[in-house]
Every structure is written in C-alpha cells, then in structure tokens.
Amino acid sequence: MSPIAPSASRARTLLQAGCRVVTEKPMIVDAERCTRILDAVNQTGNSLTVAFNYRFNPVHERFGSHRETTRWPGAPRGRG
C-alpha cells in the first residue's frame, strides 16, 4: 500500500477485485474511511491485514548493521 490518503480507495478497489490486502499501521486515521474499507471487507468476504512494522526496534537496527558486515554461508551477496 501507499501513503494514507490514496490507500483507502486503493484498498477498497483491491478488495472488490478479489485481492487480499495487507497495509501498514496506521491503516487510516479517520473513522469514515476506515468504515468504508471495513464495509468492503464485509461485502466481499476478502481479507484485510494491518501489519505493524517495528523497523526502529534497537534489536532490528543492531541486526541490520551486523548483517551488512557479516557473510553467512549460502547467503546471497549484495542487495540484488
């Protein structure tokens, strides 16, 4: 998904097209758009998942910096 403003209409469009939708927290910051998305979930029977990306967790940050300097057997080189 993308920034909050277009994500409400995009989520509804995807749900109505038969897609499962994954978005990040916060999904929407106002009740009206949230209700429209949940109505689309209920009408289509498709799923909507709101993920929480804890990317600034100190453990994740330490792993990220360690990952850049460590080569594990079988791990691909570079970022692709």
N, C-alpha and C. Protein backbone atom coordinates (compact mmCIF):
# COMPACT_ATOMS: atom_id res chain seq x y z
N MET A 1 0.84 -1.17 0.00
CA MET A 1 0.00 0.00 0.00
C MET A 1 0.89 1.24 0.00
N SER A 2 0.26 2.36 0.01
CA SER A 2 0.98 3.62 -0.15
C SER A 2 0.58 4.59 0.96
N PRO A 3 0.92 5.86 0.84
CA PRO A 3 0.54 6.81 1.88
C PRO A 3 -0.96 6.75 2.19
N ILE A 4 -1.32 7.24 3.36
CA ILE A 4 -2.69 7.08 3.86
C ILE A 4 -3.76 7.61 2.91
N ALA A 5 -3.60 8.79 2.34
CA ALA A 5 -4.67 9.39 1.54
C ALA A 5 -5.19 8.48 0.44
N PRO A 6 -4.34 7.94 -0.46
CA PRO A 6 -4.90 7.10 -1.51
C PRO A 6 -5.17 5.66 -1.08
N SER A 7 -4.70 5.24 0.08
CA SER A 7 -4.81 3.83 0.43
C SER A 7 -6.23 3.38 0.70
N ALA A 8 -7.10 4.26 1.15
CA ALA A 8 -8.48 3.86 1.42
C ALA A 8 -9.17 3.44 0.14
N SER A 9 -9.10 4.25 -0.89
CA SER A 9 -9.76 3.89 -2.14
C SER A 9 -9.04 2.73 -2.81
N ARG A 10 -7.72 2.68 -2.70
CA ARG A 10 -6.96 1.58 -3.29
C ARG A 10 -7.31 0.26 -2.59
N ALA A 11 -7.41 0.28 -1.28
CA ALA A 11 -7.76 -0.93 -0.54
C ALA A 11 -9.14 -1.43 -0.96
N ARG A 12 -10.11 -0.52 -1.07
CA ARG A 12 -11.46 -0.93 -1.49
C ARG A 12 -11.43 -1.51 -2.90
N THR A 13 -10.71 -0.88 -3.80
CA THR A 13 -10.62 -1.37 -5.18
C THR A 13 -10.02 -2.77 -5.22
N LEU A 14 -8.94 -2.98 -4.47
CA LEU A 14 -8.30 -4.29 -4.43
C LEU A 14 -9.22 -5.35 -3.82
N LEU A 15 -9.88 -5.01 -2.74
CA LEU A 15 -10.82 -5.95 -2.11
C LEU A 15 -11.93 -6.33 -3.08
N GLN A 16 -12.49 -5.35 -3.78
CA GLN A 16 -13.57 -5.61 -4.72
C GLN A 16 -13.09 -6.40 -5.92
N ALA A 17 -11.79 -6.35 -6.21
CA ALA A 17 -11.23 -7.12 -7.32
C ALA A 17 -10.88 -8.55 -6.89
N GLY A 18 -11.12 -8.87 -5.62
CA GLY A 18 -10.87 -10.22 -5.14
C GLY A 18 -9.52 -10.43 -4.51
N CYS A 19 -8.79 -9.35 -4.27
CA CYS A 19 -7.46 -9.45 -3.68
C CYS A 19 -7.52 -9.46 -2.16
N ARG A 20 -6.53 -10.09 -1.57
CA ARG A 20 -6.29 -9.94 -0.14
C ARG A 20 -5.40 -8.71 0.02
N VAL A 21 -5.67 -7.90 1.02
CA VAL A 21 -4.96 -6.64 1.17
C VAL A 21 -4.15 -6.64 2.46
N VAL A 22 -2.89 -6.23 2.36
CA VAL A 22 -2.03 -6.02 3.53
C VAL A 22 -1.63 -4.57 3.52
N THR A 23 -1.84 -3.89 4.62
CA THR A 23 -1.45 -2.50 4.76
C THR A 23 -0.68 -2.35 6.06
N GLU A 24 -0.02 -1.23 6.23
CA GLU A 24 0.72 -1.00 7.46
C GLU A 24 -0.06 -0.09 8.40
N LYS A 25 0.24 -0.23 9.67
CA LYS A 25 -0.32 0.63 10.68
C LYS A 25 0.30 2.01 10.55
N PRO A 26 -0.41 3.10 10.59
CA PRO A 26 -1.86 3.17 10.73
C PRO A 26 -2.53 2.96 9.37
N MET A 27 -3.56 2.13 9.37
CA MET A 27 -4.27 1.87 8.13
C MET A 27 -4.92 3.16 7.64
N ILE A 28 -5.69 3.77 8.48
CA ILE A 28 -6.42 5.01 8.18
C ILE A 28 -6.53 5.76 9.49
N VAL A 29 -6.57 7.07 9.42
CA VAL A 29 -6.62 7.85 10.66
C VAL A 29 -7.98 8.50 10.91
N ASP A 30 -8.97 8.20 10.06
CA ASP A 30 -10.30 8.74 10.36
C ASP A 30 -11.35 7.64 10.22
N ALA A 31 -12.39 7.76 11.02
CA ALA A 31 -13.41 6.71 11.13
C ALA A 31 -14.19 6.51 9.84
N GLU A 32 -14.44 7.56 9.09
CA GLU A 32 -15.25 7.44 7.87
C GLU A 32 -14.57 6.54 6.83
N ARG A 33 -13.29 6.79 6.56
CA ARG A 33 -12.58 5.96 5.58
C ARG A 33 -12.36 4.55 6.09
N CYS A 34 -12.13 4.41 7.38
CA CYS A 34 -11.97 3.09 7.97
C CYS A 34 -13.25 2.28 7.79
N THR A 35 -14.38 2.91 8.05
CA THR A 35 -15.67 2.24 7.90
C THR A 35 -15.89 1.79 6.45
N ARG A 36 -15.51 2.62 5.49
CA ARG A 36 -15.67 2.24 4.08
C ARG A 36 -14.82 1.03 3.72
N ILE A 37 -13.62 0.97 4.26
CA ILE A 37 -12.77 -0.20 3.99
C ILE A 37 -13.36 -1.44 4.65
N LEU A 38 -13.78 -1.31 5.89
CA LEU A 38 -14.36 -2.47 6.58
C LEU A 38 -15.66 -2.92 5.92
N ASP A 39 -16.44 -2.00 5.39
CA ASP A 39 -17.63 -2.37 4.63
C ASP A 39 -17.25 -3.20 3.40
N ALA A 40 -16.17 -2.81 2.72
CA ALA A 40 -15.70 -3.56 1.55
C ALA A 40 -15.25 -4.96 1.96
N VAL A 41 -14.59 -5.08 3.11
CA VAL A 41 -14.18 -6.40 3.62
C VAL A 41 -15.43 -7.25 3.84
N ASN A 42 -16.41 -6.69 4.51
CA ASN A 42 -17.64 -7.44 4.80
C ASN A 42 -18.42 -7.79 3.54
N GLN A 43 -18.48 -6.89 2.58
CA GLN A 43 -19.23 -7.14 1.34
C GLN A 43 -18.55 -8.17 0.45
N THR A 44 -17.23 -8.18 0.42
CA THR A 44 -16.51 -9.06 -0.49
C THR A 44 -16.10 -10.38 0.15
N GLY A 45 -15.98 -10.40 1.46
CA GLY A 45 -15.50 -11.60 2.14
C GLY A 45 -14.00 -11.78 2.02
N ASN A 46 -13.31 -10.80 1.45
CA ASN A 46 -11.85 -10.87 1.34
C ASN A 46 -11.20 -10.41 2.63
N SER A 47 -9.90 -10.67 2.74
CA SER A 47 -9.23 -10.35 4.00
C SER A 47 -8.43 -9.07 3.90
N LEU A 48 -8.34 -8.40 5.02
CA LEU A 48 -7.54 -7.19 5.18
C LEU A 48 -6.66 -7.40 6.41
N THR A 49 -5.36 -7.23 6.24
CA THR A 49 -4.43 -7.38 7.35
C THR A 49 -3.71 -6.06 7.55
N VAL A 50 -3.62 -5.63 8.80
CA VAL A 50 -2.87 -4.42 9.13
C VAL A 50 -1.61 -4.87 9.85
N ALA A 51 -0.47 -4.63 9.22
CA ALA A 51 0.81 -5.05 9.78
C ALA A 51 1.44 -3.91 10.55
N PHE A 52 2.21 -4.27 11.55
CA PHE A 52 2.97 -3.29 12.31
C PHE A 52 4.44 -3.55 12.05
N ASN A 53 5.09 -2.63 11.40
CA ASN A 53 6.50 -2.75 11.06
C ASN A 53 7.31 -2.03 12.13
N TYR A 54 7.98 -2.79 12.95
CA TYR A 54 8.74 -2.22 14.06
C TYR A 54 10.19 -2.06 13.62
N ARG A 55 10.40 -1.32 12.54
CA ARG A 55 11.72 -1.23 11.93
C ARG A 55 12.75 -0.48 12.77
N PHE A 56 12.32 0.31 13.74
CA PHE A 56 13.28 1.06 14.54
C PHE A 56 13.55 0.41 15.89
N ASN A 57 13.18 -0.84 16.03
CA ASN A 57 13.49 -1.61 17.22
C ASN A 57 15.01 -1.72 17.32
N PRO A 58 15.59 -1.41 18.48
CA PRO A 58 17.05 -1.47 18.62
C PRO A 58 17.65 -2.82 18.22
N VAL A 59 16.95 -3.91 18.49
CA VAL A 59 17.44 -5.23 18.10
C VAL A 59 17.51 -5.34 16.58
N HIS A 60 16.47 -4.86 15.90
CA HIS A 60 16.47 -4.90 14.43
C HIS A 60 17.58 -4.03 13.86
N GLU A 61 17.80 -2.89 14.46
CA GLU A 61 18.86 -2.00 13.98
C GLU A 61 20.23 -2.64 14.16
N ARG A 62 20.46 -3.31 15.29
CA ARG A 62 21.74 -3.99 15.51
C ARG A 62 21.92 -5.12 14.51
N PHE A 63 20.86 -5.89 14.27
CA PHE A 63 20.96 -6.98 13.31
C PHE A 63 21.26 -6.44 11.91
N GLY A 64 20.59 -5.35 11.55
CA GLY A 64 20.80 -4.75 10.23
C GLY A 64 22.25 -4.33 10.02
N SER A 65 22.84 -3.71 11.03
CA SER A 65 24.24 -3.28 10.87
C SER A 65 25.17 -4.49 10.87
N HIS A 66 24.85 -5.51 11.64
CA HIS A 66 25.66 -6.73 11.67
C HIS A 66 25.55 -7.47 10.34
N ARG A 67 24.36 -7.48 9.77
CA ARG A 67 24.12 -8.17 8.51
C ARG A 67 24.98 -7.59 7.39
N GLU A 68 25.19 -6.28 7.42
CA GLU A 68 25.97 -5.62 6.38
C GLU A 68 27.45 -6.01 6.43
N THR A 69 27.94 -6.44 7.58
CA THR A 69 29.37 -6.72 7.73
C THR A 69 29.67 -8.21 7.86
N THR A 70 28.66 -9.06 7.83
CA THR A 70 28.87 -10.49 8.06
C THR A 70 28.43 -11.27 6.83
N ARG A 71 29.20 -12.28 6.49
CA ARG A 71 28.85 -13.15 5.37
C ARG A 71 28.52 -14.53 5.93
N TRP A 72 27.28 -14.96 5.76
CA TRP A 72 26.88 -16.29 6.20
C TRP A 72 26.96 -17.25 5.00
N PRO A 73 27.37 -18.50 5.23
CA PRO A 73 27.46 -19.46 4.12
C PRO A 73 26.10 -19.57 3.42
N GLY A 74 26.12 -19.48 2.11
CA GLY A 74 24.91 -19.64 1.34
C GLY A 74 24.09 -18.36 1.18
N ALA A 75 24.47 -17.31 1.89
CA ALA A 75 23.70 -16.05 1.80
C ALA A 75 24.07 -15.33 0.51
N PRO A 76 23.08 -14.75 -0.18
CA PRO A 76 23.40 -14.02 -1.41
C PRO A 76 24.20 -12.77 -1.10
N ARG A 77 25.03 -12.35 -2.02
CA ARG A 77 25.82 -11.13 -1.86
C ARG A 77 25.03 -9.94 -2.38
N GLY A 78 25.21 -8.79 -1.74
CA GLY A 78 24.59 -7.56 -2.20
C GLY A 78 23.08 -7.55 -1.96
N ARG A 79 22.46 -6.52 -2.50
CA ARG A 79 21.02 -6.35 -2.29
C ARG A 79 20.23 -6.69 -3.55
N GLY A 80 20.86 -7.25 -4.52
CA GLY A 80 20.17 -7.79 -5.65
C GLY A 80 19.94 -6.97 -6.80
